[in-house]
Amino acid sequence: MIEDTKDMTCEEFQSFMPELIGSGKDASAHPHVQKCALCRALLQDLETIAEAARQLFPVEDPPDRLWEQIQTAIKQEEPSRG
């Protein structure tokens, strides 16, 4: 991770962006985004794309019995391993 986040170049910020977004923090509050229109626009574009993807492929919780089925399948395979 880059120590001085206030003086990042666009290249440094953009390479750091996946880690920042993945952390769950508000990427738009990052000091570089606050002062850089290019990276702010890029972040907004990525957020728009991510929202569109969520609408296309909504997350659905698997049925409750799924974990039991996986455990049963694993137990059935264990004796056949030699």
N, C-alpha and C. Protein backbone atom coordinates (compact mmCIF):
# COMPACT_ATOMS: atom_id res chain seq x y z
N MET A 1 0.85 -1.18 0.00
CA MET A 1 0.00 0.00 0.00
C MET A 1 0.88 1.24 0.00
N ILE A 2 0.44 2.26 -0.65
CA ILE A 2 1.21 3.49 -0.77
C ILE A 2 1.03 4.31 0.51
N GLU A 3 2.14 4.75 1.05
CA GLU A 3 2.11 5.45 2.34
C GLU A 3 1.48 6.84 2.25
N ASP A 4 1.93 7.67 1.30
CA ASP A 4 1.45 9.04 1.21
C ASP A 4 0.35 9.12 0.16
N THR A 5 -0.89 8.97 0.59
CA THR A 5 -2.01 8.93 -0.35
C THR A 5 -2.41 10.32 -0.85
N LYS A 6 -1.93 11.37 -0.21
CA LYS A 6 -2.30 12.73 -0.61
C LYS A 6 -1.61 13.15 -1.90
N ASP A 7 -0.40 12.67 -2.13
CA ASP A 7 0.37 13.10 -3.29
C ASP A 7 0.51 12.00 -4.34
N MET A 8 -0.49 11.17 -4.48
CA MET A 8 -0.46 10.11 -5.47
C MET A 8 -0.59 10.67 -6.87
N THR A 9 0.06 10.02 -7.80
CA THR A 9 -0.18 10.33 -9.21
C THR A 9 -1.44 9.58 -9.62
N CYS A 10 -1.98 9.91 -10.78
CA CYS A 10 -3.15 9.19 -11.29
C CYS A 10 -2.83 7.71 -11.47
N GLU A 11 -1.65 7.42 -11.98
CA GLU A 11 -1.25 6.03 -12.20
C GLU A 11 -1.20 5.26 -10.87
N GLU A 12 -0.63 5.87 -9.85
CA GLU A 12 -0.56 5.23 -8.53
C GLU A 12 -1.96 5.01 -7.97
N PHE A 13 -2.80 6.03 -8.08
CA PHE A 13 -4.16 5.90 -7.54
C PHE A 13 -4.93 4.81 -8.28
N GLN A 14 -4.83 4.80 -9.59
CA GLN A 14 -5.59 3.83 -10.37
C GLN A 14 -5.12 2.40 -10.11
N SER A 15 -3.85 2.21 -9.80
CA SER A 15 -3.39 0.86 -9.45
C SER A 15 -3.82 0.50 -8.02
N PHE A 16 -4.04 1.49 -7.18
CA PHE A 16 -4.48 1.29 -5.80
C PHE A 16 -6.01 1.17 -5.70
N MET A 17 -6.72 1.62 -6.72
CA MET A 17 -8.18 1.69 -6.70
C MET A 17 -8.85 0.33 -6.41
N PRO A 18 -8.43 -0.78 -7.02
CA PRO A 18 -9.10 -2.05 -6.70
C PRO A 18 -9.02 -2.41 -5.21
N GLU A 19 -7.86 -2.16 -4.60
CA GLU A 19 -7.69 -2.43 -3.17
C GLU A 19 -8.60 -1.51 -2.35
N LEU A 20 -8.69 -0.26 -2.74
CA LEU A 20 -9.52 0.71 -2.04
C LEU A 20 -10.99 0.33 -2.15
N ILE A 21 -11.44 0.02 -3.34
CA ILE A 21 -12.84 -0.35 -3.55
C ILE A 21 -13.14 -1.66 -2.82
N GLY A 22 -12.23 -2.62 -2.91
CA GLY A 22 -12.42 -3.90 -2.25
C GLY A 22 -12.47 -3.81 -0.74
N SER A 23 -11.89 -2.76 -0.18
CA SER A 23 -11.88 -2.60 1.28
C SER A 23 -13.24 -2.19 1.82
N GLY A 24 -14.12 -1.73 0.92
CA GLY A 24 -15.44 -1.28 1.35
C GLY A 24 -15.48 0.17 1.77
N LYS A 25 -14.32 0.83 1.75
CA LYS A 25 -14.27 2.24 2.12
C LYS A 25 -14.87 3.08 1.00
N ASP A 26 -15.26 4.30 1.32
CA ASP A 26 -15.81 5.22 0.35
C ASP A 26 -14.67 5.78 -0.50
N ALA A 27 -14.50 5.23 -1.69
CA ALA A 27 -13.40 5.64 -2.56
C ALA A 27 -13.51 7.10 -2.97
N SER A 28 -14.73 7.62 -3.03
CA SER A 28 -14.90 9.02 -3.44
C SER A 28 -14.38 10.00 -2.39
N ALA A 29 -14.13 9.52 -1.18
CA ALA A 29 -13.60 10.38 -0.12
C ALA A 29 -12.08 10.42 -0.11
N HIS A 30 -11.45 9.63 -0.96
CA HIS A 30 -9.98 9.59 -1.01
C HIS A 30 -9.44 10.96 -1.43
N PRO A 31 -8.36 11.43 -0.82
CA PRO A 31 -7.81 12.76 -1.14
C PRO A 31 -7.49 12.95 -2.63
N HIS A 32 -6.99 11.91 -3.30
CA HIS A 32 -6.66 12.07 -4.72
C HIS A 32 -7.92 12.31 -5.54
N VAL A 33 -8.98 11.59 -5.24
CA VAL A 33 -10.24 11.74 -5.98
C VAL A 33 -10.82 13.13 -5.74
N GLN A 34 -10.64 13.65 -4.55
CA GLN A 34 -11.16 14.97 -4.23
C GLN A 34 -10.53 16.06 -5.09
N LYS A 35 -9.27 15.87 -5.48
CA LYS A 35 -8.59 16.93 -6.24
C LYS A 35 -8.38 16.60 -7.73
N CYS A 36 -8.68 15.36 -8.15
CA CYS A 36 -8.38 14.96 -9.53
C CYS A 36 -9.68 14.64 -10.28
N ALA A 37 -10.03 15.49 -11.23
CA ALA A 37 -11.26 15.30 -11.99
C ALA A 37 -11.21 14.04 -12.85
N LEU A 38 -10.05 13.70 -13.38
CA LEU A 38 -9.91 12.50 -14.22
C LEU A 38 -10.23 11.23 -13.43
N CYS A 39 -9.62 11.08 -12.28
CA CYS A 39 -9.84 9.88 -11.45
C CYS A 39 -11.25 9.88 -10.85
N ARG A 40 -11.78 11.05 -10.55
CA ARG A 40 -13.15 11.16 -10.04
C ARG A 40 -14.12 10.67 -11.11
N ALA A 41 -13.91 11.07 -12.36
CA ALA A 41 -14.77 10.63 -13.46
C ALA A 41 -14.62 9.12 -13.68
N LEU A 42 -13.39 8.62 -13.61
CA LEU A 42 -13.16 7.18 -13.77
C LEU A 42 -13.90 6.41 -12.68
N LEU A 43 -13.81 6.86 -11.45
CA LEU A 43 -14.49 6.20 -10.34
C LEU A 43 -16.00 6.21 -10.55
N GLN A 44 -16.54 7.34 -10.99
CA GLN A 44 -17.98 7.42 -11.25
C GLN A 44 -18.39 6.46 -12.36
N ASP A 45 -17.58 6.36 -13.41
CA ASP A 45 -17.87 5.42 -14.50
C ASP A 45 -17.87 3.98 -13.98
N LEU A 46 -16.88 3.64 -13.16
CA LEU A 46 -16.81 2.29 -12.60
C LEU A 46 -18.01 1.99 -11.70
N GLU A 47 -18.44 2.97 -10.94
CA GLU A 47 -19.61 2.78 -10.08
C GLU A 47 -20.87 2.59 -10.91
N THR A 48 -20.98 3.31 -12.03
CA THR A 48 -22.12 3.15 -12.93
C THR A 48 -22.13 1.76 -13.55
N ILE A 49 -20.97 1.30 -13.97
CA ILE A 49 -20.85 -0.04 -14.56
C ILE A 49 -21.19 -1.11 -13.52
N ALA A 50 -20.69 -0.95 -12.31
CA ALA A 50 -20.96 -1.93 -11.25
C ALA A 50 -22.44 -1.98 -10.92
N GLU A 51 -23.10 -0.84 -10.88
CA GLU A 51 -24.53 -0.81 -10.60
C GLU A 51 -25.31 -1.49 -11.72
N ALA A 52 -24.93 -1.24 -12.96
CA ALA A 52 -25.60 -1.89 -14.09
C ALA A 52 -25.41 -3.41 -14.03
N ALA A 53 -24.23 -3.85 -13.66
CA ALA A 53 -23.96 -5.29 -13.54
C ALA A 53 -24.81 -5.91 -12.44
N ARG A 54 -24.96 -5.20 -11.32
CA ARG A 54 -25.79 -5.72 -10.22
C ARG A 54 -27.24 -5.88 -10.68
N GLN A 55 -27.71 -4.97 -11.52
CA GLN A 55 -29.08 -5.06 -12.00
C GLN A 55 -29.25 -6.19 -13.01
N LEU A 56 -28.21 -6.44 -13.80
CA LEU A 56 -28.26 -7.53 -14.78
C LEU A 56 -28.18 -8.89 -14.11
N PHE A 57 -27.36 -9.00 -13.09
CA PHE A 57 -27.11 -10.27 -12.41
C PHE A 57 -27.33 -10.10 -10.91
N PRO A 58 -28.58 -10.04 -10.48
CA PRO A 58 -28.83 -9.85 -9.06
C PRO A 58 -28.30 -11.02 -8.24
N VAL A 59 -27.82 -10.72 -7.07
CA VAL A 59 -27.29 -11.74 -6.17
C VAL A 59 -28.47 -12.44 -5.50
N GLU A 60 -28.47 -13.75 -5.60
CA GLU A 60 -29.52 -14.52 -4.96
C GLU A 60 -28.88 -15.45 -3.94
N ASP A 61 -29.48 -15.53 -2.80
CA ASP A 61 -28.99 -16.45 -1.77
C ASP A 61 -29.33 -17.87 -2.17
N PRO A 62 -28.39 -18.79 -2.00
CA PRO A 62 -28.66 -20.18 -2.34
C PRO A 62 -29.69 -20.76 -1.36
N PRO A 63 -30.37 -21.83 -1.78
CA PRO A 63 -31.33 -22.45 -0.87
C PRO A 63 -30.63 -22.97 0.39
N ASP A 64 -31.34 -22.99 1.50
CA ASP A 64 -30.78 -23.43 2.77
C ASP A 64 -30.22 -24.85 2.70
N ARG A 65 -30.83 -25.71 1.92
CA ARG A 65 -30.41 -27.11 1.87
C ARG A 65 -29.13 -27.32 1.06
N LEU A 66 -28.64 -26.30 0.38
CA LEU A 66 -27.48 -26.46 -0.49
C LEU A 66 -26.24 -26.92 0.28
N TRP A 67 -25.96 -26.31 1.44
CA TRP A 67 -24.77 -26.69 2.20
C TRP A 67 -24.86 -28.15 2.64
N GLU A 68 -26.05 -28.59 3.04
CA GLU A 68 -26.24 -29.99 3.43
C GLU A 68 -25.96 -30.92 2.25
N GLN A 69 -26.39 -30.53 1.06
CA GLN A 69 -26.16 -31.35 -0.13
C GLN A 69 -24.66 -31.43 -0.45
N ILE A 70 -23.97 -30.34 -0.27
CA ILE A 70 -22.51 -30.32 -0.52
C ILE A 70 -21.81 -31.23 0.49
N GLN A 71 -22.18 -31.13 1.75
CA GLN A 71 -21.57 -31.98 2.79
C GLN A 71 -21.84 -33.46 2.51
N THR A 72 -23.04 -33.79 2.11
CA THR A 72 -23.39 -35.17 1.80
C THR A 72 -22.57 -35.68 0.63
N ALA A 73 -22.43 -34.87 -0.40
CA ALA A 73 -21.65 -35.27 -1.58
C ALA A 73 -20.19 -35.50 -1.21
N ILE A 74 -19.64 -34.66 -0.35
CA ILE A 74 -18.24 -34.81 0.08
C ILE A 74 -18.08 -36.11 0.87
N LYS A 75 -19.01 -36.37 1.77
CA LYS A 75 -18.94 -37.59 2.59
C LYS A 75 -19.03 -38.84 1.71
N GLN A 76 -19.83 -38.77 0.66
CA GLN A 76 -19.98 -39.91 -0.24
C GLN A 76 -18.70 -40.15 -1.04
N GLU A 77 -17.95 -39.12 -1.33
CA GLU A 77 -16.72 -39.26 -2.10
C GLU A 77 -15.55 -39.70 -1.23
N GLU A 78 -15.54 -39.40 0.04
CA GLU A 78 -14.41 -39.70 0.90
C GLU A 78 -14.02 -41.17 0.92
N PRO A 79 -14.93 -42.14 1.04
CA PRO A 79 -14.53 -43.54 1.07
C PRO A 79 -13.88 -44.01 -0.24
N SER A 80 -14.23 -43.38 -1.35
CA SER A 80 -13.67 -43.81 -2.64
C SER A 80 -12.25 -43.33 -2.86
N ARG A 81 -11.80 -42.40 -2.05
CA ARG A 81 -10.41 -41.94 -2.16
C ARG A 81 -9.50 -43.00 -1.54
N GLY A 82 -8.46 -43.33 -2.26
CA GLY A 82 -7.67 -44.41 -1.76
C GLY A 82 -6.37 -44.01 -1.30
